[in-house]
N, C-alpha and C. Protein backbone atom coordinates (compact mmCIF):
# COMPACT_ATOMS: atom_id res chain seq x y z
N UNK A 1 94.88 76.28 -9.55
CA UNK A 1 95.26 76.76 -10.87
C UNK A 1 96.20 77.94 -10.66
N UNK A 2 97.26 77.97 -11.39
CA UNK A 2 98.23 79.05 -11.24
C UNK A 2 97.72 80.32 -11.89
N UNK A 3 98.31 81.44 -11.48
CA UNK A 3 97.90 82.71 -12.07
C UNK A 3 98.24 82.75 -13.56
N UNK A 4 99.27 82.00 -13.99
CA UNK A 4 99.60 81.95 -15.41
C UNK A 4 98.48 81.27 -16.19
N UNK A 5 97.90 80.23 -15.62
CA UNK A 5 96.80 79.53 -16.28
C UNK A 5 95.58 80.43 -16.38
N UNK A 6 95.31 81.17 -15.32
CA UNK A 6 94.17 82.09 -15.34
C UNK A 6 94.41 83.20 -16.36
N UNK A 7 95.62 83.71 -16.41
CA UNK A 7 95.95 84.75 -17.38
C UNK A 7 95.77 84.24 -18.81
N UNK A 8 96.15 83.00 -19.05
CA UNK A 8 95.98 82.41 -20.38
C UNK A 8 94.50 82.32 -20.74
N UNK A 9 93.69 81.86 -19.78
CA UNK A 9 92.25 81.78 -20.02
C UNK A 9 91.65 83.15 -20.30
N UNK A 10 92.08 84.13 -19.55
CA UNK A 10 91.56 85.48 -19.77
C UNK A 10 91.93 85.99 -21.17
N UNK A 11 93.16 85.76 -21.59
CA UNK A 11 93.57 86.19 -22.93
C UNK A 11 92.75 85.48 -23.99
N UNK A 12 92.50 84.20 -23.78
CA UNK A 12 91.69 83.45 -24.74
C UNK A 12 90.29 84.02 -24.80
N UNK A 13 89.72 84.31 -23.64
CA UNK A 13 88.36 84.85 -23.61
C UNK A 13 88.30 86.24 -24.23
N UNK A 14 89.32 87.05 -23.98
CA UNK A 14 89.34 88.41 -24.53
C UNK A 14 89.39 88.42 -26.04
N UNK A 15 89.86 87.33 -26.63
CA UNK A 15 89.92 87.28 -28.09
C UNK A 15 88.56 86.96 -28.71
N UNK A 16 87.60 86.61 -27.86
CA UNK A 16 86.26 86.25 -28.33
C UNK A 16 85.36 87.48 -28.37
N UNK A 17 84.32 87.43 -29.19
CA UNK A 17 83.32 88.52 -29.16
C UNK A 17 82.67 88.61 -27.77
N UNK A 18 82.21 89.78 -27.41
CA UNK A 18 81.66 90.02 -26.07
C UNK A 18 80.53 89.05 -25.75
N UNK A 19 79.62 88.81 -26.68
CA UNK A 19 78.50 87.91 -26.39
C UNK A 19 78.99 86.50 -26.11
N UNK A 20 80.03 86.07 -26.80
CA UNK A 20 80.60 84.73 -26.56
C UNK A 20 81.33 84.72 -25.22
N UNK A 21 81.98 85.83 -24.87
CA UNK A 21 82.63 85.92 -23.57
C UNK A 21 81.61 85.72 -22.45
N UNK A 22 80.44 86.32 -22.62
CA UNK A 22 79.38 86.18 -21.62
C UNK A 22 78.93 84.72 -21.51
N UNK A 23 78.82 84.06 -22.64
CA UNK A 23 78.42 82.65 -22.64
C UNK A 23 79.46 81.80 -21.92
N UNK A 24 80.72 82.05 -22.24
CA UNK A 24 81.81 81.30 -21.59
C UNK A 24 81.80 81.55 -20.09
N UNK A 25 81.65 82.82 -19.70
CA UNK A 25 81.62 83.16 -18.28
C UNK A 25 80.47 82.46 -17.57
N UNK A 26 79.30 82.41 -18.20
CA UNK A 26 78.16 81.73 -17.60
C UNK A 26 78.42 80.23 -17.45
N UNK A 27 79.00 79.62 -18.46
CA UNK A 27 79.34 78.20 -18.36
C UNK A 27 80.35 77.95 -17.26
N UNK A 28 81.34 78.82 -17.15
CA UNK A 28 82.34 78.66 -16.09
C UNK A 28 81.71 78.82 -14.71
N UNK A 29 80.81 79.80 -14.56
CA UNK A 29 80.11 79.98 -13.28
C UNK A 29 79.35 78.71 -12.90
N UNK A 30 78.59 78.18 -13.85
CA UNK A 30 77.82 76.96 -13.57
C UNK A 30 78.73 75.81 -13.22
N UNK A 31 79.83 75.68 -13.95
CA UNK A 31 80.79 74.59 -13.70
C UNK A 31 81.40 74.73 -12.31
N UNK A 32 81.79 75.95 -11.95
CA UNK A 32 82.39 76.18 -10.63
C UNK A 32 81.37 75.92 -9.53
N UNK A 33 80.12 76.37 -9.71
CA UNK A 33 79.07 76.09 -8.72
C UNK A 33 78.88 74.58 -8.55
N UNK A 34 78.88 73.84 -9.66
CA UNK A 34 78.74 72.39 -9.59
C UNK A 34 79.90 71.76 -8.84
N UNK A 35 81.11 72.22 -9.09
CA UNK A 35 82.28 71.70 -8.39
C UNK A 35 82.21 72.00 -6.89
N UNK A 36 81.79 73.21 -6.56
CA UNK A 36 81.65 73.57 -5.15
C UNK A 36 80.60 72.71 -4.47
N UNK A 37 79.48 72.48 -5.15
CA UNK A 37 78.42 71.64 -4.61
C UNK A 37 78.92 70.21 -4.40
N UNK A 38 79.65 69.70 -5.37
CA UNK A 38 80.20 68.35 -5.25
C UNK A 38 81.18 68.27 -4.09
N UNK A 39 82.00 69.30 -3.90
CA UNK A 39 82.93 69.31 -2.76
C UNK A 39 82.18 69.31 -1.44
N UNK A 40 81.10 70.11 -1.35
CA UNK A 40 80.30 70.13 -0.12
C UNK A 40 79.70 68.75 0.15
N UNK A 41 79.20 68.10 -0.90
CA UNK A 41 78.62 66.76 -0.75
C UNK A 41 79.68 65.77 -0.27
N UNK A 42 80.86 65.80 -0.89
CA UNK A 42 81.92 64.88 -0.51
C UNK A 42 82.36 65.10 0.94
N UNK A 43 82.47 66.36 1.35
CA UNK A 43 82.85 66.65 2.73
C UNK A 43 81.77 66.17 3.70
N UNK A 44 80.52 66.39 3.35
CA UNK A 44 79.41 65.94 4.19
C UNK A 44 79.40 64.42 4.30
N UNK A 45 79.60 63.75 3.17
CA UNK A 45 79.61 62.29 3.18
C UNK A 45 80.76 61.77 4.03
N UNK A 46 81.93 62.37 3.92
CA UNK A 46 83.07 61.91 4.72
C UNK A 46 82.80 62.07 6.21
N UNK A 47 82.09 63.15 6.59
CA UNK A 47 81.78 63.36 8.01
C UNK A 47 80.78 62.34 8.53
N UNK A 48 79.91 61.84 7.66
CA UNK A 48 78.83 60.95 8.12
C UNK A 48 79.01 59.50 7.67
N UNK A 49 80.08 59.21 6.96
CA UNK A 49 80.25 57.87 6.38
C UNK A 49 80.19 56.77 7.43
N UNK A 50 80.86 56.95 8.56
CA UNK A 50 80.87 55.92 9.59
C UNK A 50 79.48 55.69 10.16
N UNK A 51 78.70 56.76 10.30
CA UNK A 51 77.33 56.61 10.81
C UNK A 51 76.47 55.85 9.79
N UNK A 52 76.68 56.14 8.51
CA UNK A 52 75.92 55.43 7.47
C UNK A 52 76.27 53.95 7.45
N UNK A 53 77.54 53.64 7.59
CA UNK A 53 77.98 52.24 7.62
C UNK A 53 77.36 51.53 8.82
N UNK A 54 77.39 52.18 9.98
CA UNK A 54 76.80 51.59 11.18
C UNK A 54 75.31 51.36 11.01
N UNK A 55 74.60 52.32 10.43
CA UNK A 55 73.16 52.17 10.21
C UNK A 55 72.87 51.03 9.25
N UNK A 56 73.69 50.89 8.20
CA UNK A 56 73.50 49.81 7.24
C UNK A 56 73.73 48.45 7.91
N UNK A 57 74.75 48.35 8.75
CA UNK A 57 75.02 47.09 9.47
C UNK A 57 73.87 46.75 10.40
N UNK A 58 73.36 47.78 11.09
CA UNK A 58 72.25 47.57 12.01
C UNK A 58 71.01 47.09 11.25
N UNK A 59 70.74 47.71 10.10
CA UNK A 59 69.59 47.31 9.28
C UNK A 59 69.76 45.88 8.78
N UNK A 60 70.95 45.54 8.35
CA UNK A 60 71.22 44.18 7.86
C UNK A 60 71.01 43.16 8.98
N UNK A 61 71.46 43.51 10.18
CA UNK A 61 71.28 42.61 11.32
C UNK A 61 69.80 42.45 11.67
N UNK A 62 69.06 43.55 11.64
CA UNK A 62 67.63 43.48 11.93
C UNK A 62 66.90 42.63 10.90
N UNK A 63 67.28 42.75 9.65
CA UNK A 63 66.67 41.92 8.60
C UNK A 63 66.97 40.45 8.86
N UNK A 64 68.24 40.14 9.19
CA UNK A 64 68.63 38.75 9.44
C UNK A 64 67.90 38.18 10.64
N UNK A 65 67.61 39.02 11.63
CA UNK A 65 66.92 38.56 12.84
C UNK A 65 65.40 38.59 12.70
N UNK A 66 64.91 39.00 11.53
CA UNK A 66 63.48 39.03 11.29
C UNK A 66 62.77 40.19 11.98
N UNK A 67 63.51 41.19 12.39
CA UNK A 67 62.91 42.32 13.09
C UNK A 67 62.48 43.45 12.14
N UNK A 68 62.88 43.36 10.89
CA UNK A 68 62.57 44.42 9.93
C UNK A 68 61.16 44.24 9.38
N UNK A 69 60.53 45.35 9.09
CA UNK A 69 59.21 45.30 8.45
C UNK A 69 59.27 46.08 7.13
N UNK A 70 58.41 45.70 6.22
CA UNK A 70 58.36 46.37 4.92
C UNK A 70 57.78 47.76 5.12
N UNK A 71 58.40 48.75 4.50
CA UNK A 71 57.93 50.12 4.62
C UNK A 71 56.78 50.36 3.66
N UNK A 72 55.70 50.91 4.17
CA UNK A 72 54.56 51.24 3.34
C UNK A 72 54.68 52.71 2.92
N UNK A 73 55.15 52.94 1.70
CA UNK A 73 55.39 54.29 1.22
C UNK A 73 54.10 55.10 1.05
N UNK A 74 52.97 54.42 0.94
CA UNK A 74 51.70 55.12 0.81
C UNK A 74 51.28 55.77 2.14
N UNK A 75 51.80 55.27 3.22
CA UNK A 75 51.46 55.80 4.56
C UNK A 75 52.31 57.00 4.94
N UNK A 76 53.33 57.33 4.16
CA UNK A 76 54.22 58.43 4.53
C UNK A 76 53.60 59.76 4.31
């Protein structure tokens, strides 16, 4: 985002009552935290995607060969 866009947002916020400014700031913080979290997830997934694909292929092969067993979730 350019500094002009940020300046525009600040001017818009400054025109609001202080309590509303606080609400907007809180919403923006939450939104930015969510975006950062999503970016971390995407980066993590990209680093491990090939391993996940390999594990899925291996599992599919084991199922086809009859080597897979049903997981008993009550035993975990």
